[in-house]
Protein backbone atom coordinates (compact mmCIF):
# COMPACT_ATOMS: atom_id res chain seq x y z
CA UNK A 1 -21.24 -28.19 -15.03
CA UNK A 2 -19.43 -24.95 -15.12
CA UNK A 3 -18.49 -23.27 -11.75
CA UNK A 4 -17.22 -19.97 -13.24
CA UNK A 5 -19.48 -17.52 -11.38
CA UNK A 6 -19.40 -14.98 -14.33
CA UNK A 7 -22.13 -14.72 -17.00
CA UNK A 8 -21.63 -16.48 -20.31
CA UNK A 9 -18.49 -18.18 -19.24
CA UNK A 10 -18.33 -22.07 -19.17
CA UNK A 11 -14.91 -22.28 -17.44
CA UNK A 12 -13.95 -24.24 -14.47
CA UNK A 13 -12.31 -22.02 -11.90
CA UNK A 14 -8.83 -22.78 -10.70
CA UNK A 15 -8.66 -22.23 -6.95
CA UNK A 16 -5.55 -22.31 -4.45
CA UNK A 17 -6.11 -21.60 -0.82
CA UNK A 18 -9.72 -20.24 -1.41
CA UNK A 19 -8.87 -17.80 -4.17
CA UNK A 20 -8.09 -17.93 -7.98
CA UNK A 21 -9.11 -17.22 -11.55
CA UNK A 22 -11.07 -18.71 -14.26
CA UNK A 23 -8.68 -19.71 -16.97
CA UNK A 24 -11.29 -19.18 -19.80
CA UNK A 25 -12.49 -15.32 -18.89
CA UNK A 26 -9.53 -14.70 -16.49
CA UNK A 27 -11.83 -13.05 -13.99
CA UNK A 28 -10.87 -13.33 -10.32
CA UNK A 29 -12.82 -15.85 -8.17
CA UNK A 30 -13.12 -16.84 -4.50
CA UNK A 31 -14.68 -19.59 -2.55
CA UNK A 32 -17.23 -19.13 0.14
CA UNK A 33 -15.73 -20.16 3.37
CA UNK A 34 -19.04 -21.65 4.46
CA UNK A 35 -20.10 -23.74 1.43
CA UNK A 36 -17.16 -23.47 -0.95
CA UNK A 37 -19.20 -22.04 -3.82
CA UNK A 38 -17.39 -20.08 -6.38
CA UNK A 39 -17.98 -16.31 -6.27
CA UNK A 40 -17.25 -13.22 -8.29
CA UNK A 41 -14.43 -10.90 -7.03
CA UNK A 42 -16.59 -8.18 -5.51
CA UNK A 43 -19.42 -10.34 -4.16
CA UNK A 44 -20.60 -9.48 -0.68
CA UNK A 45 -22.89 -12.47 -0.23
CA UNK A 46 -22.38 -15.99 -1.52
CA UNK A 47 -24.44 -16.75 -4.54
CA UNK A 48 -25.26 -20.27 -3.13
CA UNK A 49 -25.80 -19.92 0.62
CA UNK A 50 -26.28 -16.17 0.78
CA UNK A 51 -23.79 -15.94 3.74
CA UNK A 52 -21.94 -12.67 3.96
CA UNK A 53 -18.39 -13.16 2.52
CA UNK A 54 -15.77 -11.38 0.75
CA UNK A 55 -12.48 -11.77 -1.26
CA UNK A 56 -9.70 -12.83 1.06
CA UNK A 57 -6.87 -10.36 0.32
CA UNK A 58 -4.07 -12.54 1.94
CA UNK A 59 -5.09 -16.20 1.86
CA UNK A 60 -2.81 -18.77 3.24
CA UNK A 61 0.48 -19.33 1.45
CA UNK A 62 1.16 -22.77 0.09
CA UNK A 63 3.57 -24.87 2.25
CA UNK A 64 7.39 -24.33 1.80
CA UNK A 65 8.22 -26.99 -0.97
CA UNK A 66 5.06 -25.94 -3.09
CA UNK A 67 5.76 -22.24 -2.72
CA UNK A 68 9.50 -22.50 -3.66
CA UNK A 69 8.58 -24.65 -6.55
CA UNK A 70 6.08 -22.21 -7.93
CA UNK A 71 8.75 -19.33 -7.34
CA UNK A 72 11.20 -21.38 -9.27
CA UNK A 73 9.20 -20.89 -12.36
CA UNK A 74 10.04 -18.05 -14.77
CA UNK A 75 7.59 -15.35 -14.08
CA UNK A 76 5.12 -13.96 -16.39
CA UNK A 77 5.20 -10.21 -17.39
CA UNK A 78 2.54 -7.43 -17.49
CA UNK A 79 3.03 -3.84 -18.44
CA UNK A 80 1.14 -0.80 -17.95
CA UNK A 81 2.31 1.70 -20.61
CA UNK A 82 1.56 5.09 -19.04
CA UNK A 83 3.40 7.45 -16.52
CA UNK A 84 3.07 6.70 -12.86
CA UNK A 85 4.38 8.30 -9.78
CA UNK A 86 2.58 6.22 -7.02
CA UNK A 87 2.80 2.62 -6.28
CA UNK A 88 -0.03 0.25 -7.19
CA UNK A 89 -2.31 -1.51 -4.51
CA UNK A 90 -4.03 -4.79 -4.36
CA UNK A 91 -7.75 -5.34 -4.01
CA UNK A 92 -10.10 -8.44 -4.91
CA UNK A 93 -7.60 -10.40 -6.89
CA UNK A 94 -6.37 -7.50 -9.06
CA UNK A 95 -3.62 -4.68 -8.81
CA UNK A 96 -4.94 -1.14 -9.35
CA UNK A 97 -3.02 1.99 -10.10
CA UNK A 98 -3.40 5.67 -11.15
CA UNK A 99 -1.49 7.30 -13.80
CA UNK A 100 -0.62 11.05 -13.74
CA UNK A 101 -3.28 11.46 -16.35
CA UNK A 102 -5.99 10.29 -13.96
CA UNK A 103 -6.33 6.96 -15.63
CA UNK A 104 -7.46 4.01 -13.19
CA UNK A 105 -5.50 0.87 -14.52
CA UNK A 106 -6.70 -2.62 -13.58
CA UNK A 107 -3.89 -5.19 -13.74
CA UNK A 108 -4.88 -8.80 -13.92
CA UNK A 109 -1.72 -10.67 -12.96
CA UNK A 110 -3.32 -14.34 -13.66
CA UNK A 111 -4.50 -13.08 -17.08
CA UNK A 112 -1.22 -11.20 -17.76
CA UNK A 113 -3.42 -8.26 -18.65
CA UNK A 114 -3.39 -4.47 -17.85
CA UNK A 115 -6.23 -2.37 -18.97
CA UNK A 116 -7.69 1.35 -18.35
CA UNK A 117 -10.79 0.55 -16.31
CA UNK A 118 -11.85 4.29 -15.77
CA UNK A 119 -10.83 7.70 -15.42
CA UNK A 120 -10.71 10.16 -12.51
CA UNK A 121 -9.77 13.11 -14.68
CA UNK A 122 -6.39 15.16 -15.12
CA UNK A 123 -3.67 15.48 -12.48
CA UNK A 124 -4.85 12.61 -10.25
CA UNK A 125 -2.12 10.10 -9.51
CA UNK A 126 0.69 12.68 -8.47
CA UNK A 127 0.34 11.21 -4.87
CA UNK A 128 -0.28 8.02 -3.16
CA UNK A 129 -3.96 7.01 -3.36
CA UNK A 130 -5.98 4.54 -1.03
CA UNK A 131 -8.21 1.65 -1.49
CA UNK A 132 -10.62 1.45 1.43
CA UNK A 133 -14.03 0.21 1.88
CA UNK A 134 -16.84 2.74 2.00
CA UNK A 135 -20.58 2.45 2.75
CA UNK A 136 -21.83 5.45 0.74
CA UNK A 137 -25.58 4.62 1.47
CA UNK A 138 -27.01 3.59 4.85
CA UNK A 139 -28.16 0.02 5.02
CA UNK A 140 -25.95 -1.09 1.95
CA UNK A 141 -22.76 -3.06 2.28
CA UNK A 142 -19.49 -1.23 1.84
CA UNK A 143 -17.68 -1.50 -1.44
CA UNK A 144 -13.93 -1.07 -2.03
CA UNK A 145 -13.10 2.56 -3.18
CA UNK A 146 -10.10 3.78 -4.80
CA UNK A 147 -9.47 7.44 -3.44
CA UNK A 148 -7.17 10.00 -4.99
CA UNK A 149 -6.91 13.80 -5.11
CA UNK A 150 -5.77 16.23 -7.80
CA UNK A 151 -5.17 19.49 -5.63
CA UNK A 152 -8.68 20.67 -6.37
CA UNK A 153 -10.86 17.84 -5.29
CA UNK A 154 -10.94 14.29 -3.73
CA UNK A 155 -12.71 11.58 -5.57
CA UNK A 156 -13.29 7.95 -5.21
CA UNK A 157 -14.27 5.27 -7.65
CA UNK A 158 -16.27 2.14 -6.64
CA UNK A 159 -14.12 -0.70 -7.99
CA UNK A 160 -17.06 -2.83 -8.17
CA UNK A 161 -18.99 -0.85 -10.66
CA UNK A 162 -16.68 2.18 -11.40
CA UNK A 163 -19.18 4.72 -10.13
CA UNK A 164 -17.22 8.08 -9.28
CA UNK A 165 -17.95 10.07 -6.21
CA UNK A 166 -16.75 13.62 -5.24
CA UNK A 167 -16.12 14.14 -1.59
CA UNK A 168 -13.76 17.13 -0.72
CA UNK A 169 -13.40 20.34 -2.75
CA UNK A 170 -10.57 22.76 -2.11
CA UNK A 171 -11.69 25.98 -0.10
CA UNK A 172 -11.69 29.21 -1.93
CA UNK A 173 -7.97 30.24 -1.97
CA UNK A 174 -7.20 26.79 -0.65
CA UNK A 175 -5.24 23.83 -2.26
CA UNK A 176 -5.28 20.17 -1.29
CA UNK A 177 -2.03 18.61 -0.86
CA UNK A 178 -1.61 16.04 -3.68
CA UNK A 179 1.52 16.25 -5.29
CA UNK A 180 4.67 14.32 -4.19
CA UNK A 181 7.10 16.57 -5.87
CA UNK A 182 5.74 19.97 -4.46
CA UNK A 183 3.75 18.79 -1.48
CA UNK A 184 6.00 16.07 -0.08
CA UNK A 185 4.66 13.21 1.82
CA UNK A 186 0.89 13.76 1.42
CA UNK A 187 -1.88 11.28 0.59
CA UNK A 188 -5.58 10.74 1.27
CA UNK A 189 -7.22 8.47 3.85
CA UNK A 190 -10.69 7.06 4.68
CA UNK A 191 -11.91 4.94 7.75
CA UNK A 192 -15.22 3.72 6.38
CA UNK A 193 -17.42 6.51 7.55
CA UNK A 194 -15.21 9.56 6.65
CA UNK A 195 -12.70 10.60 3.77
CA UNK A 196 -9.67 12.71 4.88
CA UNK A 197 -7.28 15.10 3.04
CA UNK A 198 -4.84 17.73 3.86
CA UNK A 199 -5.52 21.47 2.58
CA UNK A 200 -3.25 24.44 2.65
CA UNK A 201 -4.89 27.79 3.10
CA UNK A 202 -4.42 30.93 4.92
CA UNK A 203 -0.76 30.20 5.45
CA UNK A 204 -1.65 27.06 7.46
CA UNK A 205 -2.40 23.59 6.83
CA UNK A 206 -5.71 21.94 7.84
CA UNK A 207 -6.88 18.35 8.11
CA UNK A 208 -10.46 17.96 6.30
CA UNK A 209 -12.98 15.08 7.21
CA UNK A 210 -15.96 14.51 5.01
CA UNK A 211 -18.78 12.15 6.32
CA UNK A 212 -19.57 9.80 3.36
CA UNK A 213 -23.37 9.49 4.38
CA UNK A 214 -24.21 12.72 5.95
CA UNK A 215 -21.80 14.80 3.82
CA UNK A 216 -20.81 16.87 6.76
CA UNK A 217 -17.43 18.51 6.56
CA UNK A 218 -15.13 19.32 9.36
CA UNK A 219 -11.71 20.78 9.45
CA UNK A 220 -8.80 20.70 12.07
CA UNK A 221 -6.02 23.19 11.90
CA UNK A 222 -2.66 21.19 12.19
CA UNK A 223 0.45 23.59 11.73
CA UNK A 224 1.83 26.51 9.86
CA UNK A 225 4.65 24.59 8.55
CA UNK A 226 4.74 21.65 6.10
CA UNK A 227 2.65 18.49 7.15
CA UNK A 228 2.48 14.78 6.12
CA UNK A 229 -0.24 12.33 6.00
CA UNK A 230 -3.04 11.58 6.67
CA UNK A 231 -2.76 7.84 7.56
CA UNK A 232 -4.72 5.42 9.82
CA UNK A 233 -3.20 3.92 13.02
CA UNK A 234 -5.24 1.38 14.86
CA UNK A 235 -8.69 2.93 14.15
CA UNK A 236 -7.36 6.54 14.31
CA UNK A 237 -6.12 8.88 11.89
CA UNK A 238 -2.76 10.79 12.31
CA UNK A 239 -0.95 13.59 10.43
CA UNK A 240 2.54 15.15 11.45
CA UNK A 241 4.53 18.23 11.31
CA UNK A 242 8.39 18.33 11.71
CA UNK A 243 8.24 18.38 15.43
CA UNK A 244 4.97 16.52 16.34
CA UNK A 245 2.53 13.62 15.60
CA UNK A 246 -1.17 14.77 15.63
CA UNK A 247 -3.88 12.01 16.46
CA UNK A 248 -7.48 12.84 15.70
CA UNK A 249 -9.94 12.07 18.61
CA UNK A 250 -13.27 13.14 19.77
CA UNK A 251 -11.83 16.36 21.13
CA UNK A 252 -9.91 17.13 17.94
CA UNK A 253 -6.23 16.80 17.21
CA UNK A 254 -3.99 15.75 20.15
CA UNK A 255 -0.46 16.72 19.54
CA UNK A 256 2.27 14.31 20.63
CA UNK A 257 5.88 15.94 20.21
CA UNK A 258 8.47 13.52 18.71
CA UNK A 259 11.18 12.22 21.05
CA UNK A 260 14.21 14.33 21.84
CA UNK A 261 15.39 17.10 19.51
CA UNK A 262 14.68 14.96 16.35
CA UNK A 263 12.47 16.32 13.56
CA UNK A 264 10.44 14.43 11.00
CA UNK A 265 11.17 14.91 7.29
CA UNK A 266 8.38 15.67 4.95
CA UNK A 267 9.65 15.57 1.50
CA UNK A 268 11.66 13.14 -0.74
CA UNK A 269 14.18 15.99 -1.34
CA UNK A 270 15.21 15.69 2.48
CA UNK A 271 15.17 11.92 2.51
CA UNK A 272 18.68 11.31 1.01
CA UNK A 273 19.81 9.29 4.12
CA UNK A 274 17.03 6.64 3.47
CA UNK A 275 16.62 4.24 0.77
CA UNK A 276 12.90 4.07 0.44
CA UNK A 277 10.44 1.87 -1.55
CA UNK A 278 9.52 3.87 -4.59
CA UNK A 279 6.26 5.39 -4.86
CA UNK A 280 5.01 4.68 -1.40
CA UNK A 281 4.41 6.72 1.62
CA UNK A 282 7.42 6.52 4.09
CA UNK A 283 5.49 6.42 7.36
CA UNK A 284 4.62 3.18 9.07
CA UNK A 285 1.61 2.33 11.25
CA UNK A 286 1.50 -1.40 11.99
CA UNK A 287 -1.97 -3.01 12.00
CA UNK A 288 -3.77 -3.34 15.41
CA UNK A 289 -0.95 -1.65 17.39
CA UNK A 290 -0.68 1.98 18.78
CA UNK A 291 2.70 2.42 17.11
CA UNK A 292 3.79 5.02 14.65
CA UNK A 293 7.15 5.15 12.69
CA UNK A 294 7.87 8.47 10.82
CA UNK A 295 11.14 9.16 8.94
CA UNK A 296 13.33 11.93 10.35
CA UNK A 297 16.59 13.41 11.55
CA UNK A 298 18.12 12.86 14.81
CA UNK A 299 21.10 15.32 15.25
CA UNK A 300 22.42 14.93 11.56
CA UNK A 301 21.68 11.24 11.10
CA UNK A 302 18.64 9.39 9.49
CA UNK A 303 16.36 7.83 12.02
CA UNK A 304 12.76 6.61 12.30
CA UNK A 305 10.79 8.50 15.00
CA UNK A 306 9.01 5.94 17.01
CA UNK A 307 5.77 6.87 18.89
CA UNK A 308 3.62 4.71 21.13
CA UNK A 309 0.36 6.66 21.11
CA UNK A 310 -0.89 5.05 24.28
CA UNK A 311 2.20 5.11 26.30
CA UNK A 312 3.62 8.58 24.99
CA UNK A 313 6.16 9.87 25.81
CA UNK A 314 7.41 6.88 28.04
CA UNK A 315 7.98 4.45 25.11
CA UNK A 316 8.86 6.89 22.37
CA UNK A 317 12.32 6.82 20.96
CA UNK A 318 14.36 7.33 17.74
CA UNK A 319 15.63 4.20 15.69
CA UNK A 320 18.74 5.05 13.91
CA UNK A 321 18.88 3.98 10.22
CA UNK A 322 22.33 2.72 9.35
CA UNK A 323 24.27 4.11 6.29
CA UNK A 324 23.27 2.43 3.26
CA UNK A 325 20.17 0.63 4.75
CA UNK A 326 16.86 0.44 2.86
CA UNK A 327 13.60 1.16 4.58
CA UNK A 328 10.31 -0.69 3.65
CA UNK A 329 7.33 -2.55 5.21
CA UNK A 330 6.05 -5.95 5.78
CA UNK A 331 2.53 -7.19 5.21
CA UNK A 332 1.21 -5.64 8.52
CA UNK A 333 2.92 -2.39 7.82
CA UNK A 334 5.75 -2.94 10.35
CA UNK A 335 8.83 -1.06 9.61
CA UNK A 336 11.63 -3.20 7.91
CA UNK A 337 15.10 -2.04 7.76
CA UNK A 338 17.41 -4.04 5.55
CA UNK A 339 21.40 -3.74 5.69
CA UNK A 340 23.75 -5.76 3.79
CA UNK A 341 23.40 -9.45 5.15
CA UNK A 342 20.37 -8.85 7.37
CA UNK A 343 16.74 -7.65 7.62
CA UNK A 344 15.09 -6.26 10.71
CA UNK A 345 11.51 -6.28 11.23
CA UNK A 346 10.36 -3.87 14.04
CA UNK A 347 7.94 -4.67 16.71
CA UNK A 348 7.93 -1.81 18.85
CA UNK A 349 11.24 0.13 19.31
CA UNK A 350 13.45 -3.09 18.75
CA UNK A 351 13.92 -5.23 15.56
CA UNK A 352 13.56 -8.89 15.08
CA UNK A 353 16.39 -9.64 12.92
CA UNK A 354 16.71 -12.16 10.16
CA UNK A 355 20.28 -12.86 8.98
CA UNK A 356 20.60 -13.73 5.12
CA UNK A 357 23.93 -14.12 3.36
CA UNK A 358 24.35 -11.95 0.18
CA UNK A 359 21.22 -9.65 0.84
CA UNK A 360 21.51 -6.06 -0.44
CA UNK A 361 19.21 -3.40 0.33
CA UNK A 362 16.68 -2.28 -2.14
CA UNK A 363 13.71 -0.94 -0.07
CA UNK A 364 11.33 -3.37 -1.74
CA UNK A 365 11.70 -6.35 0.71
CA UNK A 366 8.87 -8.59 1.63
CA UNK A 367 8.08 -10.40 4.79
CA UNK A 368 5.05 -12.52 5.53
CA UNK A 369 5.45 -15.44 8.20
CA UNK A 370 8.18 -17.84 6.97
CA UNK A 371 8.40 -16.15 3.57
CA UNK A 372 11.00 -13.42 2.75
CA UNK A 373 11.67 -12.09 -0.53
CA UNK A 374 14.81 -9.93 -0.89
CA UNK A 375 17.51 -8.92 -3.33
CA UNK A 376 20.94 -10.54 -3.45
CA UNK A 377 24.34 -9.87 -5.04
CA UNK A 378 26.12 -12.86 -6.38
CA UNK A 379 29.69 -13.12 -7.56
CA UNK A 380 29.86 -13.24 -11.31
CA UNK A 381 26.07 -13.43 -11.64
CA UNK A 382 24.92 -9.88 -10.66
CA UNK A 383 21.78 -9.12 -8.66
CA UNK A 384 18.86 -11.70 -8.32
CA UNK A 385 15.67 -12.03 -6.41
CA UNK A 386 15.92 -14.49 -3.68
CA UNK A 387 13.01 -16.23 -1.85
CA UNK A 388 13.46 -17.58 1.66
CA UNK A 389 10.88 -19.98 3.22
CA UNK A 390 12.37 -20.97 6.52
CA UNK A 391 15.69 -22.34 5.80
CA UNK A 392 15.11 -23.07 2.14
CA UNK A 393 15.98 -20.64 -0.69
CA UNK A 394 15.08 -20.16 -4.28
CA UNK A 395 16.57 -17.72 -6.78
CA UNK A 396 14.88 -15.73 -9.57
CA UNK A 397 16.22 -13.42 -12.24
CA UNK A 398 15.75 -9.63 -11.73
CA UNK A 399 13.98 -7.73 -14.56
CA UNK A 400 16.44 -5.22 -16.32
CA UNK A 401 16.38 -1.52 -15.94
CA UNK A 402 13.83 -1.22 -13.09
CA UNK A 403 13.15 0.83 -10.08
CA UNK A 404 11.66 -1.72 -7.53
CA UNK A 405 8.36 -0.74 -5.92
CA UNK A 406 7.65 -3.84 -3.98
CA UNK A 407 6.01 -7.37 -3.72
CA UNK A 408 2.26 -7.93 -3.70
CA UNK A 409 -0.15 -10.58 -3.19
CA UNK A 410 -2.97 -10.51 -5.75
CA UNK A 411 -5.31 -13.49 -5.52
CA UNK A 412 -3.36 -16.47 -6.15
CA UNK A 413 -0.34 -14.63 -7.67
CA UNK A 414 2.73 -13.27 -6.06
CA UNK A 415 3.76 -10.15 -7.97
CA UNK A 416 6.97 -7.84 -7.88
CA UNK A 417 5.96 -4.32 -9.22
CA UNK A 418 8.36 -1.78 -10.45
CA UNK A 419 8.92 1.39 -12.39
CA UNK A 420 10.56 0.97 -15.76
CA UNK A 421 13.30 3.45 -15.45
CA UNK A 422 13.12 4.77 -19.01
CA UNK A 423 9.71 6.13 -19.11
CA UNK A 424 8.11 5.49 -15.48
CA UNK A 425 5.62 2.99 -16.77
CA UNK A 426 4.71 -0.09 -14.54
CA UNK A 427 6.04 -3.49 -15.00
CA UNK A 428 4.99 -6.69 -13.14
CA UNK A 429 6.74 -9.97 -12.73
CA UNK A 430 3.98 -12.51 -11.89
CA UNK A 431 4.43 -16.03 -10.24
CA UNK A 432 1.29 -18.20 -9.93
CA UNK A 433 1.43 -19.79 -6.42
């Protein structure tokens, strides 16, 4: 009897740690945690026991020997031949990305497939997008939405059924910040009930907030100068100017000045002292903490400006970025600073160091529990990817001519995403784990 949950498929799902794919139709599948029935990627209730459930985005990793054995295999390859500026994101067993033409690509790592799933329209994809759960109708469960802006309007697409929604339109004479080259570090955001975007109008910048059920629109004046964000921090939404972090609360935006005489940087043009992961926003807001890390300049040196929102200013400080270091994130969005020979994961203002021989900074390191993925330089062998699991290591070849974005979990696959440097299309090295 088939256990593939997709219609007209007679496959037997291949499951690892509760997630997997059907090797016949190559659709993502997950196990109900209550009755172990196999369900479709976007199911909200189990098809057998009807319990509420959802695709586990980060299931348990295999134990060390099994993980390293899987990573020892030659990775598969997938390519999305389009032009991309923003990094992909993982959701429900797939990777998703938006090209500068507004095409929404769905990458199926297990099936080694990349396809255009839908279109948002021209000029989307020039800034980071978000995948967030939105309940657009009262009484109905939330679905994952890919949210993006093109300078005139913020749209979302329901990834379960590809229905497109329009949320925020630019004011008359205004412009939504949505281009990494001209607007700097801008993005969109959502918190389940609202969609957020930044707009420049009347010589000032505003944070816009749209309620997804009532459609009510609020705006909050931020600053005359450049602004970055928005992003979520422990259930709140933040934006920032060169001198201050702003946290949205019931009374509006609360301003928290950055520590000392430092100032935040808001454009890739000013980030020459940072080696940042390509296509990703540079700020960090670790999950379930009151901490925010924003790239800036302290004196004349690059530094991350650390603000503890609950204890500000007592626990706010500046974290120096050593010359040549790379800055990235771990799976909890904590700040990771990599120097030659060591990786520091920041929990508050201080790093928890991991010392690894031969590590070189790339800005695409990965840290999850005992697993670390980094780049190493070996005498006579060039650069390789090195996977660490506790004290065990496994090397893998590095694809040629790439600009590394980062490592992702997508269902039962571990993926390195990168820009192909000759044409800004996307490439993916895939390991089945």
